[in-house]
Amino acid sequence: MIKKQKDARPDKKVSPLIGLLLFCISIILMLVTGPLGFIYGIFHSLFTQGFSGIGEFLLKIAISIDQLGNVMMQHLLNQLWIKKAGYRFGNRDETISSVLGKNKQSDTLTGFGKAIDKILDIIDPDHSLNSIDYYVEPNH
């Protein structure tokens, strides 16, 4: 078995024009193909795995949306939810809940961050601590 070892290289630099172009293409593709893929995924999950399959499918989507939020709102969340020395939001491979949990452990949440964490704990006890992803590639 061949194992590929991940290195901790930072993402390569991309020109702003390429980033803008790829962003626009991804939005268009999501708007055009997303609904069809979602409906197909619901039925496929239902008929191959039953209702639990739908739950797993929706959980995967929720995690992906959470990762998108971690990147899209990184500057705002870094400002409002964590102290200066805290673990930063913005890694595209990590969820918002994982970053909250890491900051909760290191006591670097602001008052607002602690309030958000308490709300999540009401819905799902120890949500942020249980969501910590210890195997996230570092974001430089």
Protein backbone atom coordinates (compact mmCIF):
# COMPACT_ATOMS: atom_id res chain seq x y z
CA MET A 1 0.00 0.00 0.00
CA ILE A 2 1.33 3.42 -0.91
CA LYS A 3 0.71 6.17 1.60
CA LYS A 4 0.86 9.78 0.53
CA GLN A 5 2.33 11.98 3.20
CA LYS A 6 0.81 15.45 3.50
CA ASP A 7 3.18 18.32 3.77
CA ALA A 8 2.34 21.59 5.44
CA ARG A 9 3.07 23.86 2.49
CA PRO A 10 1.03 27.03 2.23
CA ASP A 11 -1.37 27.34 -0.68
CA LYS A 12 0.32 28.62 -3.81
CA LYS A 13 -0.29 32.21 -4.80
CA VAL A 14 -3.06 32.76 -7.35
CA SER A 15 -3.64 35.89 -9.37
CA PRO A 16 -6.70 37.90 -8.30
CA LEU A 17 -8.20 37.54 -11.79
CA ILE A 18 -7.98 33.73 -11.68
CA GLY A 19 -9.49 33.72 -8.18
CA LEU A 20 -12.37 35.93 -9.31
CA LEU A 21 -12.98 33.83 -12.42
CA LEU A 22 -13.01 30.54 -10.49
CA PHE A 23 -15.28 32.07 -7.84
CA CYS A 24 -17.80 33.16 -10.50
CA ILE A 25 -17.71 29.77 -12.23
CA SER A 26 -18.25 27.96 -8.91
CA ILE A 27 -21.28 30.13 -8.07
CA ILE A 28 -22.83 29.55 -11.50
CA LEU A 29 -22.23 25.79 -11.31
CA MET A 30 -23.73 25.66 -7.83
CA LEU A 31 -26.84 27.56 -8.89
CA VAL A 32 -27.33 25.49 -12.03
CA THR A 33 -26.39 21.99 -10.86
CA GLY A 34 -26.82 22.22 -7.07
CA PRO A 35 -30.60 21.75 -6.91
CA LEU A 36 -30.49 18.77 -9.28
CA GLY A 37 -27.64 17.15 -7.32
CA PHE A 38 -29.43 17.79 -4.03
CA ILE A 39 -32.71 16.20 -5.16
CA TYR A 40 -30.89 13.25 -6.74
CA GLY A 41 -28.80 12.82 -3.56
CA ILE A 42 -31.88 12.77 -1.34
CA PHE A 43 -33.58 10.07 -3.42
CA HIS A 44 -30.37 8.07 -3.88
CA SER A 45 -29.71 8.12 -0.13
CA LEU A 46 -33.31 7.21 0.66
CA PHE A 47 -33.45 4.24 -1.71
CA THR A 48 -29.98 2.88 -0.94
CA GLN A 49 -29.73 3.50 2.82
CA GLY A 50 -33.17 4.57 4.02
CA PHE A 51 -33.81 7.56 6.26
CA SER A 52 -30.43 7.23 7.96
CA GLY A 53 -28.82 7.70 4.54
CA ILE A 54 -30.64 11.01 4.15
CA GLY A 55 -29.37 12.09 7.57
CA GLU A 56 -25.77 11.26 6.62
CA PHE A 57 -26.13 13.06 3.28
CA LEU A 58 -27.51 16.18 4.97
CA LEU A 59 -24.79 16.07 7.64
CA LYS A 60 -22.10 16.05 4.93
CA ILE A 61 -23.73 19.08 3.33
CA ALA A 62 -23.96 20.84 6.70
CA ILE A 63 -20.24 20.24 7.36
CA SER A 64 -19.34 21.59 3.92
CA ILE A 65 -21.44 24.71 4.49
CA ASP A 66 -19.78 25.11 7.91
CA GLN A 67 -16.33 24.93 6.27
CA LEU A 68 -17.42 27.53 3.73
CA GLY A 69 -18.58 29.79 6.57
CA ASN A 70 -15.22 29.37 8.30
CA VAL A 71 -13.48 30.78 5.22
CA MET A 72 -16.09 33.31 4.12
CA MET A 73 -16.55 34.88 7.56
CA GLN A 74 -12.99 34.46 8.87
CA HIS A 75 -12.21 38.15 9.27
CA LEU A 76 -15.47 38.90 11.08
CA LEU A 77 -15.27 35.84 13.34
CA ASN A 78 -11.60 36.48 14.17
CA GLN A 79 -12.57 39.99 15.24
CA LEU A 80 -15.73 39.16 17.21
CA TRP A 81 -15.37 35.67 18.65
CA ILE A 82 -11.71 35.23 19.61
CA LYS A 83 -8.98 37.14 21.41
CA LYS A 84 -5.85 38.26 19.53
CA ALA A 85 -3.81 35.25 20.64
CA GLY A 86 -6.55 32.77 19.70
CA TYR A 87 -6.56 30.05 17.09
CA ARG A 88 -7.68 31.76 13.87
CA PHE A 89 -10.69 31.09 11.68
CA GLY A 90 -10.15 30.70 7.93
CA ASN A 91 -8.77 27.22 7.28
CA ARG A 92 -10.81 25.78 4.41
CA ASP A 93 -10.50 22.25 5.82
CA GLU A 94 -11.96 23.09 9.22
CA THR A 95 -15.43 23.86 10.56
CA ILE A 96 -16.44 26.88 12.60
CA SER A 97 -17.30 24.54 15.49
CA SER A 98 -13.80 23.04 15.48
CA VAL A 99 -12.19 26.49 15.74
CA LEU A 100 -14.63 27.43 18.51
CA GLY A 101 -13.69 24.26 20.39
CA LYS A 102 -9.95 24.90 20.08
CA ASN A 103 -10.42 28.44 21.39
CA LYS A 104 -12.68 27.21 24.19
CA GLN A 105 -9.92 24.80 25.28
CA SER A 106 -7.30 27.54 25.28
CA ASP A 107 -9.66 30.09 26.90
CA THR A 108 -9.28 32.56 24.01
CA LEU A 109 -12.97 33.12 23.25
CA THR A 110 -14.36 36.62 23.72
CA GLY A 111 -17.64 37.14 25.56
CA PHE A 112 -19.50 36.97 22.26
CA GLY A 113 -17.67 33.76 21.32
CA LYS A 114 -18.56 32.23 24.69
CA ALA A 115 -22.22 33.17 24.16
CA ILE A 116 -22.28 31.46 20.75
CA ASP A 117 -20.62 28.40 22.28
CA LYS A 118 -23.26 28.29 25.06
CA ILE A 119 -26.06 28.42 22.48
CA LEU A 120 -24.48 25.49 20.62
CA ASP A 121 -24.15 23.61 23.95
CA ILE A 122 -27.91 23.97 24.52
CA ILE A 123 -28.60 22.37 21.14
CA ASP A 124 -25.83 19.75 21.40
CA PRO A 125 -23.93 19.45 24.72
CA ASP A 126 -20.15 20.01 24.30
CA HIS A 127 -20.69 20.59 20.58
CA SER A 128 -17.57 22.67 19.94
CA LEU A 129 -15.29 20.42 22.01
CA ASN A 130 -16.62 17.30 20.28
CA SER A 131 -16.15 19.01 16.88
CA ILE A 132 -12.44 19.66 17.27
CA ASP A 133 -10.56 18.31 14.27
CA TYR A 134 -7.03 17.46 15.38
CA TYR A 135 -5.92 16.42 11.88
CA VAL A 136 -6.43 19.68 10.02
CA GLU A 137 -3.64 20.72 7.72
CA PRO A 138 -2.13 23.94 9.07
CA ASN A 139 -3.18 27.20 7.43
CA HIS A 140 -0.21 29.52 6.99
